[in-house]
C-alpha atoms as a PDB file:
ATOM      1  CA  MET A   1      25.728  43.860 -25.960  1.00  0.00           C
ATOM      2  CA  PRO A   2      27.579  40.902 -24.369  1.00  0.00           C
ATOM      3  CA  LYS A   3      27.970  37.715 -26.346  1.00  0.00           C
ATOM      4  CA  VAL A   4      26.349  34.509 -25.166  1.00  0.00           C
ATOM      5  CA  GLN A   5      28.758  32.431 -23.092  1.00  0.00           C
ATOM      6  CA  ARG A   6      28.793  29.004 -24.703  1.00  0.00           C
ATOM      7  CA  ARG A   7      30.414  26.066 -22.951  1.00  0.00           C
ATOM      8  CA  THR A   8      30.611  22.358 -23.605  1.00  0.00           C
ATOM      9  CA  VAL A   9      32.203  19.351 -21.945  1.00  0.00           C
ATOM     10  CA  ASP A  10      34.852  16.809 -22.805  1.00  0.00           C
ATOM     11  CA  LEU A  11      33.337  13.419 -21.932  1.00  0.00           C
ATOM     12  CA  SER A  12      36.337  11.401 -23.122  1.00  0.00           C
ATOM     13  CA  ALA A  13      37.153  10.471 -19.489  1.00  0.00           C
ATOM     14  CA  TYR A  14      33.678   8.869 -19.211  1.00  0.00           C
ATOM     15  CA  PRO A  15      33.477   6.384 -22.097  1.00  0.00           C
ATOM     16  CA  GLU A  16      30.914   4.218 -20.276  1.00  0.00           C
ATOM     17  CA  LEU A  17      28.761   7.049 -18.875  1.00  0.00           C
ATOM     18  CA  VAL A  18      25.083   6.244 -18.297  1.00  0.00           C
ATOM     19  CA  VAL A  19      22.444   8.906 -17.721  1.00  0.00           C
ATOM     20  CA  ILE A  20      19.193   7.818 -16.142  1.00  0.00           C
ATOM     21  CA  TYR A  21      16.004   9.797 -15.665  1.00  0.00           C
ATOM     22  CA  LEU A  22      13.600   8.469 -13.049  1.00  0.00           C
ATOM     23  CA  GLY A  23      10.096   9.574 -12.169  1.00  0.00           C
ATOM     24  CA  LEU A  24       7.476   8.867  -9.531  1.00  0.00           C
ATOM     25  CA  ARG A  25       3.918   9.941 -10.323  1.00  0.00           C
ATOM     26  CA  VAL A  26       1.047  10.069  -7.841  1.00  0.00           C
ATOM     27  CA  ASN A  27      -1.921   8.155  -9.295  1.00  0.00           C
ATOM     28  CA  THR A  28      -4.223   8.137  -6.237  1.00  0.00           C
ATOM     29  CA  TRP A  29      -4.451  10.165  -3.023  1.00  0.00           C
ATOM     30  CA  THR A  30      -2.712   7.358  -1.112  1.00  0.00           C
ATOM     31  CA  GLY A  31       0.204   7.824  -3.495  1.00  0.00           C
ATOM     32  CA  LEU A  32       1.039  11.124  -1.762  1.00  0.00           C
ATOM     33  CA  LYS A  33       2.046   9.155   1.345  1.00  0.00           C
ATOM     34  CA  THR A  34       4.222   6.855  -0.778  1.00  0.00           C
ATOM     35  CA  LEU A  35       5.871   9.816  -2.508  1.00  0.00           C
ATOM     36  CA  LEU A  36       6.585  11.656   0.746  1.00  0.00           C
ATOM     37  CA  GLY A  37       7.925   8.501   2.397  1.00  0.00           C
ATOM     38  CA  LEU A  38      10.437   7.874  -0.367  1.00  0.00           C
ATOM     39  CA  GLY A  39      11.789  11.431  -0.508  1.00  0.00           C
ATOM     40  CA  SER A  40      13.979  11.288   2.600  1.00  0.00           C
ATOM     41  CA  LYS A  41      15.066   7.707   1.839  1.00  0.00           C
ATOM     42  CA  ILE A  42      16.307   8.728  -1.606  1.00  0.00           C
ATOM     43  CA  ALA A  43      18.066  11.804  -0.187  1.00  0.00           C
ATOM     44  CA  ASN A  44      19.887   9.620   2.362  1.00  0.00           C
ATOM     45  CA  ALA A  45      20.900   7.085  -0.285  1.00  0.00           C
ATOM     46  CA  VAL A  46      22.358   9.825  -2.487  1.00  0.00           C
ATOM     47  CA  GLU A  47      24.156  11.442   0.466  1.00  0.00           C
ATOM     48  CA  ASN A  48      25.961   8.147   1.007  1.00  0.00           C
ATOM     49  CA  GLN A  49      27.602   8.627  -2.420  1.00  0.00           C
ATOM     50  CA  PRO A  50      27.060   5.215  -4.019  1.00  0.00           C
ATOM     51  CA  ASN A  51      30.150   4.017  -5.858  1.00  0.00           C
ATOM     52  CA  GLY A  52      29.916   5.173  -9.474  1.00  0.00           C
ATOM     53  CA  LEU A  53      27.305   7.903  -8.975  1.00  0.00           C
ATOM     54  CA  LEU A  54      28.823  11.068 -10.444  1.00  0.00           C
ATOM     55  CA  ARG A  55      25.874  13.441 -10.081  1.00  0.00           C
ATOM     56  CA  HIS A  56      22.272  13.454  -8.810  1.00  0.00           C
ATOM     57  CA  GLU A  57      19.736  16.173  -9.643  1.00  0.00           C
ATOM     58  CA  ASN A  58      16.133  16.433  -8.425  1.00  0.00           C
ATOM     59  CA  LEU A  59      13.403  17.328 -10.921  1.00  0.00           C
ATOM     60  CA  ILE A  60       9.743  18.317 -10.814  1.00  0.00           C
ATOM     61  CA  PHE A  61       7.776  17.140 -13.838  1.00  0.00           C
ATOM     62  CA  SER A  62       4.371  18.406 -12.689  1.00  0.00           C
ATOM     63  CA  LEU A  63       2.554  19.619  -9.596  1.00  0.00           C
ATOM     64  CA  PHE A  64      -0.806  18.202 -10.614  1.00  0.00           C
ATOM     65  CA  PRO A  65      -0.724  15.329 -10.581  1.00  0.00           C
ATOM     66  CA  PRO A  66       2.384  15.340  -8.386  1.00  0.00           C
ATOM     67  CA  HIS A  67       5.157  13.870 -10.539  1.00  0.00           C
ATOM     68  CA  ILE A  68       8.723  14.221  -9.294  1.00  0.00           C
ATOM     69  CA  GLY A  69      11.936  12.691 -10.427  1.00  0.00           C
ATOM     70  CA  MET A  70      15.661  12.817 -10.731  1.00  0.00           C
ATOM     71  CA  ARG A  71      18.460  12.657 -13.246  1.00  0.00           C
ATOM     72  CA  GLN A  72      21.553  10.689 -12.350  1.00  0.00           C
ATOM     73  CA  TYR A  73      24.918  10.355 -14.053  1.00  0.00           C
ATOM     74  CA  TRP A  74      26.684   7.043 -13.441  1.00  0.00           C
ATOM     75  CA  ARG A  75      30.293   6.190 -14.332  1.00  0.00           C
ATOM     76  CA  ASP A  76      29.118   2.977 -16.039  1.00  0.00           C
ATOM     77  CA  PHE A  77      26.185   0.606 -16.296  1.00  0.00           C
ATOM     78  CA  ASP A  78      27.791  -1.923 -13.916  1.00  0.00           C
ATOM     79  CA  SER A  79      27.943   0.671 -11.109  1.00  0.00           C
ATOM     80  CA  LEU A  80      24.328   1.661 -11.648  1.00  0.00           C
ATOM     81  CA  GLU A  81      23.204  -1.958 -11.749  1.00  0.00           C
ATOM     82  CA  ARG A  82      25.266  -2.925  -8.677  1.00  0.00           C
ATOM     83  CA  TRP A  83      23.608  -0.142  -6.681  1.00  0.00           C
ATOM     84  CA  ALA A  84      20.128  -1.005  -8.006  1.00  0.00           C
ATOM     85  CA  ARG A  85      20.562  -4.621  -6.885  1.00  0.00           C
ATOM     86  CA  SER A  86      21.775  -3.678  -3.397  1.00  0.00           C
ATOM     87  CA  ASP A  87      19.919  -2.432  -0.330  1.00  0.00           C
ATOM     88  CA  PRO A  88      18.148  -0.106   0.150  1.00  0.00           C
ATOM     89  CA  HIS A  89      17.210   0.180  -3.549  1.00  0.00           C
ATOM     90  CA  ARG A  90      16.555  -3.536  -3.898  1.00  0.00           C
ATOM     91  CA  GLN A  91      14.070  -3.402  -0.989  1.00  0.00           C
ATOM     92  CA  TRP A  92      12.279  -0.337  -2.423  1.00  0.00           C
ATOM     93  CA  TRP A  93      11.970  -1.990  -5.807  1.00  0.00           C
ATOM     94  CA  GLN A  94      10.681  -5.288  -4.387  1.00  0.00           C
ATOM     95  CA  GLN A  95       8.093  -3.432  -2.307  1.00  0.00           C
ATOM     96  CA  PHE A  96       6.981  -1.287  -5.246  1.00  0.00           C
ATOM     97  CA  LEU A  97       6.581  -4.236  -7.615  1.00  0.00           C
ATOM     98  CA  ARG A  98       4.370  -5.977  -5.052  1.00  0.00           C
ATOM     99  CA  ASN A  99       2.300  -2.839  -4.360  1.00  0.00           C
ATOM    100  CA  SER A 100       2.834   0.518  -6.082  1.00  0.00           C
ATOM    101  CA  GLY A 101       1.221   2.379  -3.177  1.00  0.00           C
ATOM    102  CA  GLY A 102      -0.901   4.547  -5.454  1.00  0.00           C
ATOM    103  CA  THR A 103       2.028   5.707  -7.550  1.00  0.00           C
ATOM    104  CA  GLY A 104       3.564   4.986 -10.921  1.00  0.00           C
ATOM    105  CA  PHE A 105       7.292   4.718 -11.561  1.00  0.00           C
ATOM    106  CA  TRP A 106       9.367   4.979 -14.715  1.00  0.00           C
ATOM    107  CA  HIS A 107      12.961   5.323 -15.809  1.00  0.00           C
ATOM    108  CA  GLU A 108      14.800   5.906 -19.066  1.00  0.00           C
ATOM    109  CA  SER A 109      18.535   5.166 -19.425  1.00  0.00           C
ATOM    110  CA  TYR A 110      20.953   6.433 -22.069  1.00  0.00           C
ATOM    111  CA  SER A 111      24.434   4.938 -22.502  1.00  0.00           C
ATOM    112  CA  MET A 112      27.554   6.477 -24.076  1.00  0.00           C
ATOM    113  CA  GLN A 113      28.369   2.996 -25.366  1.00  0.00           C
ATOM    114  CA  GLY A 114      25.125   2.982 -27.257  1.00  0.00           C
ATOM    115  CA  GLY A 115      21.752   1.758 -26.247  1.00  0.00           C
ATOM    116  CA  MET A 116      18.757   3.185 -24.489  1.00  0.00           C
ATOM    117  CA  GLU A 117      16.157   1.429 -22.399  1.00  0.00           C
ATOM    118  CA  ALA A 118      13.118   2.225 -20.317  1.00  0.00           C
ATOM    119  CA  VAL A 119      10.446   0.780 -18.086  1.00  0.00           C
ATOM    120  CA  TYR A 120       7.085   2.283 -17.108  1.00  0.00           C
ATOM    121  CA  ASP A 121       5.174   0.736 -14.180  1.00  0.00           C
ATOM    122  CA  ASP A 122       1.618   1.874 -13.447  1.00  0.00           C
ATOM    123  CA  ILE A 123       2.059   5.002 -15.585  1.00  0.00           C
ATOM    124  CA  PRO A 124      -1.415   5.792 -16.977  1.00  0.00           C
ATOM    125  CA  ASN A 125      -0.336   8.129 -19.818  1.00  0.00           C
ATOM    126  CA  ASP A 126       2.080   7.500 -22.650  1.00  0.00           C
ATOM    127  CA  ILE A 127       5.186   9.518 -21.782  1.00  0.00           C
ATOM    128  CA  GLY A 128       8.753   9.409 -23.061  1.00  0.00           C
ATOM    129  CA  PHE A 129       9.459   6.486 -25.382  1.00  0.00           C
ATOM    130  CA  LEU A 130       5.926   5.146 -24.732  1.00  0.00           C
ATOM    131  CA  ALA A 131       4.548   8.078 -26.723  1.00  0.00           C
ATOM    132  CA  PHE A 132       6.126   6.958 -30.023  1.00  0.00           C
ATOM    133  CA  ALA A 133       7.783   3.523 -29.813  1.00  0.00           C
ATOM    134  CA  PRO A 134       6.042   0.124 -29.997  1.00  0.00           C
ATOM    135  CA  GLN A 135       5.038  -0.983 -26.516  1.00  0.00           C
ATOM    136  CA  ARG A 136       5.943  -4.386 -25.078  1.00  0.00           C
ATOM    137  CA  GLU A 137       5.330  -6.166 -21.798  1.00  0.00           C
ATOM    138  CA  ALA A 138       8.373  -6.112 -19.504  1.00  0.00           C
ATOM    139  CA  ARG A 139       8.803  -9.892 -19.655  1.00  0.00           C
ATOM    140  CA  GLY A 140      11.534 -12.249 -20.859  1.00  0.00           C
ATOM    141  CA  LYS A 141      14.275 -10.338 -22.690  1.00  0.00           C
ATOM    142  CA  MET A 142      12.405  -7.092 -21.948  1.00  0.00           C
ATOM    143  CA  TYR A 143      12.333  -7.736 -18.170  1.00  0.00           C
ATOM    144  CA  SER A 144      15.734  -6.399 -17.037  1.00  0.00           C
ATOM    145  CA  ALA A 145      17.445  -3.112 -17.819  1.00  0.00           C
ATOM    146  CA  ARG A 146      20.636  -4.990 -18.803  1.00  0.00           C
ATOM    147  CA  ASP A 147      18.785  -6.969 -21.435  1.00  0.00           C
ATOM    148  CA  ARG A 148      16.816  -3.966 -22.711  1.00  0.00           C
ATOM    149  CA  ILE A 149      19.944  -1.801 -23.087  1.00  0.00           C
ATOM    150  CA  GLN A 150      21.782  -4.798 -24.591  1.00  0.00           C
ATOM    151  CA  GLN A 151      24.805  -4.591 -22.300  1.00  0.00           C
ATOM    152  CA  GLY A 152      25.325  -8.363 -22.154  1.00  0.00           C
ATOM    153  CA  GLY A 153      26.170 -10.164 -18.929  1.00  0.00           C
ATOM    154  CA  GLU A 154      23.804 -11.748 -16.424  1.00  0.00           C
ATOM    155  CA  GLY A 155      20.537 -10.176 -17.530  1.00  0.00           C
ATOM    156  CA  HIS A 156      17.149 -10.860 -16.055  1.00  0.00           C
ATOM    157  CA  THR A 157      18.160 -13.918 -14.061  1.00  0.00           C
ATOM    158  CA  SER A 158      19.586 -11.889 -11.174  1.00  0.00           C
ATOM    159  CA  GLY A 159      17.530  -8.703 -10.844  1.00  0.00           C
ATOM    160  CA  PRO A 160      16.294  -7.222  -7.554  1.00  0.00           C
ATOM    161  CA  ILE A 161      13.147  -9.326  -7.946  1.00  0.00           C
ATOM    162  CA  GLN A 162      13.075 -12.368 -10.159  1.00  0.00           C
ATOM    163  CA  GLU A 163      10.609 -12.398 -13.033  1.00  0.00           C
ATOM    164  CA  ASN A 164       9.160 -15.724 -11.859  1.00  0.00           C
ATOM    165  CA  GLU A 165       8.544 -14.208  -8.388  1.00  0.00           C
ATOM    166  CA  LEU A 166       6.586 -11.345  -9.905  1.00  0.00           C
ATOM    167  CA  TYR A 167       4.827 -13.500 -12.506  1.00  0.00           C
ATOM    168  CA  PRO A 168       4.556 -17.049 -11.122  1.00  0.00           C
ATOM    169  CA  SER A 169       3.756 -19.636 -13.802  1.00  0.00           C
ATOM    170  CA  ASP A 170       0.214 -20.921 -14.102  1.00  0.00           C
ATOM    171  CA  ASP A 171       1.367 -24.568 -13.947  1.00  0.00           C
END
């Protein structure tokens, strides 16, 4: 009987590697249109090989309700953040945060330098970290991925959509 072929990887050339899982879940029938509309846009964005993106893989989490996603490997957090704050991603994110289109979105990031972070928007069930960790509103120091993963730098003041735009003060 043949032995199992075991392989591993040497990640020493990627000391700042960040892995991010992203998911889009259909919450209402209108969410199917949103999901289908984003599919080709995401494929085109990935085809353009954003600087720092090492690998992109599509995933299916469930068929009912439709819940698709992706796993991406980024050279470093700065590359991931730079792409997330540029078009077309910035436009998608701004549009989603104003109207989720019958869908829910989430991501979880894991950094070789230490730190993990996540956000869950309009996700009705507790999945991932939500299932076991204390839940907080994504406000203040919990608003931006940079602050949540504790990478330092600019933080929530320069995200794709400002916190005060999404949550205007009641003054």
